[in-house]
Amino acid sequence: MPQTVYRRPWPTWLVLVLSIPLSVTWITLTIVEGAKSLAAPIVGAIDILVLLIFTVLDPEVTITSCKTMPDGTVLNVRRPIIGFKRFETQLGLTGGYEVRIDGFRYEPAYIRI
């Protein structure tokens, strides 16, 4: 049975390019304007929302569980929360890839878009 791995659909630096300016702006507004500012919570909410979206959509964020195979062996399984069909790759189409070198078996994401 093949395993499924996913590539990240965006470059790694994109998270930093979006998050760092938002975080700096949020902290600066909080210090300069204080608690009465309306802009500080709005920028903070946008910053947290961006980080949550990137975290949930990242294919390296997985849920780990155990699965019992038909022959009785118990395997550690990792599945991403959300995976993009366009960026998925199947490994072991001819067999022999029951467990990867890191000790986990990779299965399709819970939500495939």
C-alpha atoms as a PDB file:
ATOM      1  CA  MET A   1       0.000   0.000   0.000  1.00  0.00           C
ATOM      2  CA  PRO A   2       1.592   3.332  -1.036  1.00  0.00           C
ATOM      3  CA  GLN A   3       2.260   6.175   1.351  1.00  0.00           C
ATOM      4  CA  THR A   4       1.293   9.763   0.667  1.00  0.00           C
ATOM      5  CA  VAL A   5       3.469  12.784   1.417  1.00  0.00           C
ATOM      6  CA  TYR A   6       2.717  16.414   0.659  1.00  0.00           C
ATOM      7  CA  ARG A   7       4.856  19.363  -0.388  1.00  0.00           C
ATOM      8  CA  ARG A   8       4.235  22.826   1.026  1.00  0.00           C
ATOM      9  CA  PRO A   9       2.362  24.962  -1.551  1.00  0.00           C
ATOM     10  CA  TRP A  10       4.179  28.166  -0.559  1.00  0.00           C
ATOM     11  CA  PRO A  11       7.832  29.063   0.036  1.00  0.00           C
ATOM     12  CA  THR A  12       9.003  28.803   3.647  1.00  0.00           C
ATOM     13  CA  TRP A  13      10.045  32.453   3.838  1.00  0.00           C
ATOM     14  CA  LEU A  14       6.523  33.682   3.083  1.00  0.00           C
ATOM     15  CA  VAL A  15       5.358  33.022   6.642  1.00  0.00           C
ATOM     16  CA  LEU A  16       8.164  35.174   8.028  1.00  0.00           C
ATOM     17  CA  VAL A  17       7.593  37.959   5.499  1.00  0.00           C
ATOM     18  CA  LEU A  18       3.948  38.216   6.575  1.00  0.00           C
ATOM     19  CA  SER A  19       4.246  37.465  10.279  1.00  0.00           C
ATOM     20  CA  ILE A  20       7.250  39.509  11.390  1.00  0.00           C
ATOM     21  CA  PRO A  21       5.967  42.919  10.166  1.00  0.00           C
ATOM     22  CA  LEU A  22       2.524  42.198  11.628  1.00  0.00           C
ATOM     23  CA  SER A  23       4.018  41.197  14.980  1.00  0.00           C
ATOM     24  CA  VAL A  24       6.302  44.241  15.104  1.00  0.00           C
ATOM     25  CA  THR A  25       3.378  46.514  14.201  1.00  0.00           C
ATOM     26  CA  TRP A  26       1.183  44.903  16.847  1.00  0.00           C
ATOM     27  CA  ILE A  27       3.800  45.336  19.576  1.00  0.00           C
ATOM     28  CA  THR A  28       4.594  48.900  18.479  1.00  0.00           C
ATOM     29  CA  LEU A  29       0.926  49.920  18.432  1.00  0.00           C
ATOM     30  CA  THR A  30       0.381  48.377  21.844  1.00  0.00           C
ATOM     31  CA  ILE A  31       3.352  50.247  23.329  1.00  0.00           C
ATOM     32  CA  VAL A  32       2.741  53.602  21.614  1.00  0.00           C
ATOM     33  CA  GLU A  33      -1.070  53.796  21.626  1.00  0.00           C
ATOM     34  CA  GLY A  34      -1.760  51.765  24.752  1.00  0.00           C
ATOM     35  CA  ALA A  35      -4.811  49.722  25.631  1.00  0.00           C
ATOM     36  CA  LYS A  36      -7.282  52.314  24.292  1.00  0.00           C
ATOM     37  CA  SER A  37      -6.127  51.868  20.696  1.00  0.00           C
ATOM     38  CA  LEU A  38      -8.526  50.186  18.291  1.00  0.00           C
ATOM     39  CA  ALA A  39      -5.791  49.363  15.766  1.00  0.00           C
ATOM     40  CA  ALA A  40      -3.660  47.206  18.108  1.00  0.00           C
ATOM     41  CA  PRO A  41      -6.241  44.434  18.651  1.00  0.00           C
ATOM     42  CA  ILE A  42      -7.164  44.440  14.966  1.00  0.00           C
ATOM     43  CA  VAL A  43      -3.539  44.009  13.849  1.00  0.00           C
ATOM     44  CA  GLY A  44      -3.041  41.399  16.594  1.00  0.00           C
ATOM     45  CA  ALA A  45      -6.068  39.427  15.431  1.00  0.00           C
ATOM     46  CA  ILE A  46      -4.852  39.547  11.815  1.00  0.00           C
ATOM     47  CA  ASP A  47      -1.391  38.368  12.913  1.00  0.00           C
ATOM     48  CA  ILE A  48      -2.806  35.444  14.899  1.00  0.00           C
ATOM     49  CA  LEU A  49      -5.173  34.542  12.050  1.00  0.00           C
ATOM     50  CA  VAL A  50      -2.306  34.483   9.519  1.00  0.00           C
ATOM     51  CA  LEU A  51      -0.244  32.234  11.801  1.00  0.00           C
ATOM     52  CA  LEU A  52      -3.180  29.870  12.392  1.00  0.00           C
ATOM     53  CA  ILE A  53      -3.935  29.586   8.678  1.00  0.00           C
ATOM     54  CA  PHE A  54      -0.315  28.812   7.808  1.00  0.00           C
ATOM     55  CA  THR A  55      -0.107  26.302  10.672  1.00  0.00           C
ATOM     56  CA  VAL A  56      -3.242  24.385   9.722  1.00  0.00           C
ATOM     57  CA  LEU A  57      -2.405  24.338   5.996  1.00  0.00           C
ATOM     58  CA  ASP A  58       1.218  23.241   6.548  1.00  0.00           C
ATOM     59  CA  PRO A  59       1.585  19.577   5.503  1.00  0.00           C
ATOM     60  CA  GLU A  60       4.312  19.039   8.096  1.00  0.00           C
ATOM     61  CA  VAL A  61       1.793  19.617  10.888  1.00  0.00           C
ATOM     62  CA  THR A  62       0.469  16.101  11.333  1.00  0.00           C
ATOM     63  CA  ILE A  63      -1.691  14.079  13.672  1.00  0.00           C
ATOM     64  CA  THR A  64       0.123  10.976  14.893  1.00  0.00           C
ATOM     65  CA  SER A  65      -1.791   7.815  15.734  1.00  0.00           C
ATOM     66  CA  CYS A  66      -1.329   4.055  15.841  1.00  0.00           C
ATOM     67  CA  LYS A  67      -2.806   1.683  13.300  1.00  0.00           C
ATOM     68  CA  THR A  68      -3.046  -2.086  13.504  1.00  0.00           C
ATOM     69  CA  MET A  69      -2.338  -3.792  10.203  1.00  0.00           C
ATOM     70  CA  PRO A  70      -4.198  -6.959   9.093  1.00  0.00           C
ATOM     71  CA  ASP A  71      -1.199  -9.103  10.082  1.00  0.00           C
ATOM     72  CA  GLY A  72      -1.313  -7.742  13.664  1.00  0.00           C
ATOM     73  CA  THR A  73       1.633  -5.336  13.576  1.00  0.00           C
ATOM     74  CA  VAL A  74       1.089  -1.922  15.103  1.00  0.00           C
ATOM     75  CA  LEU A  75       2.435   1.032  13.116  1.00  0.00           C
ATOM     76  CA  ASN A  76       2.810   4.699  13.970  1.00  0.00           C
ATOM     77  CA  VAL A  77       0.901   6.714  11.362  1.00  0.00           C
ATOM     78  CA  ARG A  78       1.160  10.412  10.505  1.00  0.00           C
ATOM     79  CA  ARG A  79      -1.565  12.246   8.597  1.00  0.00           C
ATOM     80  CA  PRO A  80      -1.651  15.958   7.784  1.00  0.00           C
ATOM     81  CA  ILE A  81      -4.783  17.871   8.707  1.00  0.00           C
ATOM     82  CA  ILE A  82      -5.148  19.434   5.263  1.00  0.00           C
ATOM     83  CA  GLY A  83      -3.344  18.359   2.091  1.00  0.00           C
ATOM     84  CA  PHE A  84      -3.502  19.724  -1.424  1.00  0.00           C
ATOM     85  CA  LYS A  85      -4.022  17.031  -4.078  1.00  0.00           C
ATOM     86  CA  ARG A  86      -1.847  18.969  -6.488  1.00  0.00           C
ATOM     87  CA  PHE A  87       1.151  18.738  -4.128  1.00  0.00           C
ATOM     88  CA  GLU A  88       0.835  15.116  -3.017  1.00  0.00           C
ATOM     89  CA  THR A  89       3.318  12.399  -3.917  1.00  0.00           C
ATOM     90  CA  GLN A  90       2.806   8.692  -3.436  1.00  0.00           C
ATOM     91  CA  LEU A  91       5.760   6.603  -2.307  1.00  0.00           C
ATOM     92  CA  GLY A  92       6.156   2.860  -2.503  1.00  0.00           C
ATOM     93  CA  LEU A  93       3.797   2.177  -5.367  1.00  0.00           C
ATOM     94  CA  THR A  94       5.513  -1.160  -5.909  1.00  0.00           C
ATOM     95  CA  GLY A  95       5.599  -2.060  -2.201  1.00  0.00           C
ATOM     96  CA  GLY A  96       8.434  -2.254   0.283  1.00  0.00           C
ATOM     97  CA  TYR A  97       7.729   1.089   1.951  1.00  0.00           C
ATOM     98  CA  GLU A  98       5.722  -0.133   4.913  1.00  0.00           C
ATOM     99  CA  VAL A  99       7.505   2.183   7.366  1.00  0.00           C
ATOM    100  CA  ARG A 100       9.735   5.133   6.486  1.00  0.00           C
ATOM    101  CA  ILE A 101      13.200   5.607   7.949  1.00  0.00           C
ATOM    102  CA  ASP A 102      11.806   7.900  10.676  1.00  0.00           C
ATOM    103  CA  GLY A 103       9.583   5.065  11.951  1.00  0.00           C
ATOM    104  CA  PHE A 104       6.269   6.432  10.683  1.00  0.00           C
ATOM    105  CA  ARG A 105       3.887   5.524   7.920  1.00  0.00           C
ATOM    106  CA  TYR A 106       2.425   8.491   6.017  1.00  0.00           C
ATOM    107  CA  GLU A 107      -1.190   8.342   4.928  1.00  0.00           C
ATOM    108  CA  PRO A 108      -3.425  10.776   3.001  1.00  0.00           C
ATOM    109  CA  ALA A 109      -4.533  13.961   4.741  1.00  0.00           C
ATOM    110  CA  TYR A 110      -7.811  14.131   6.634  1.00  0.00           C
ATOM    111  CA  ILE A 111      -9.012  16.891   4.300  1.00  0.00           C
ATOM    112  CA  ARG A 112      -7.799  16.785   0.704  1.00  0.00           C
ATOM    113  CA  ILE A 113      -8.361  19.933  -1.318  1.00  0.00           C
END
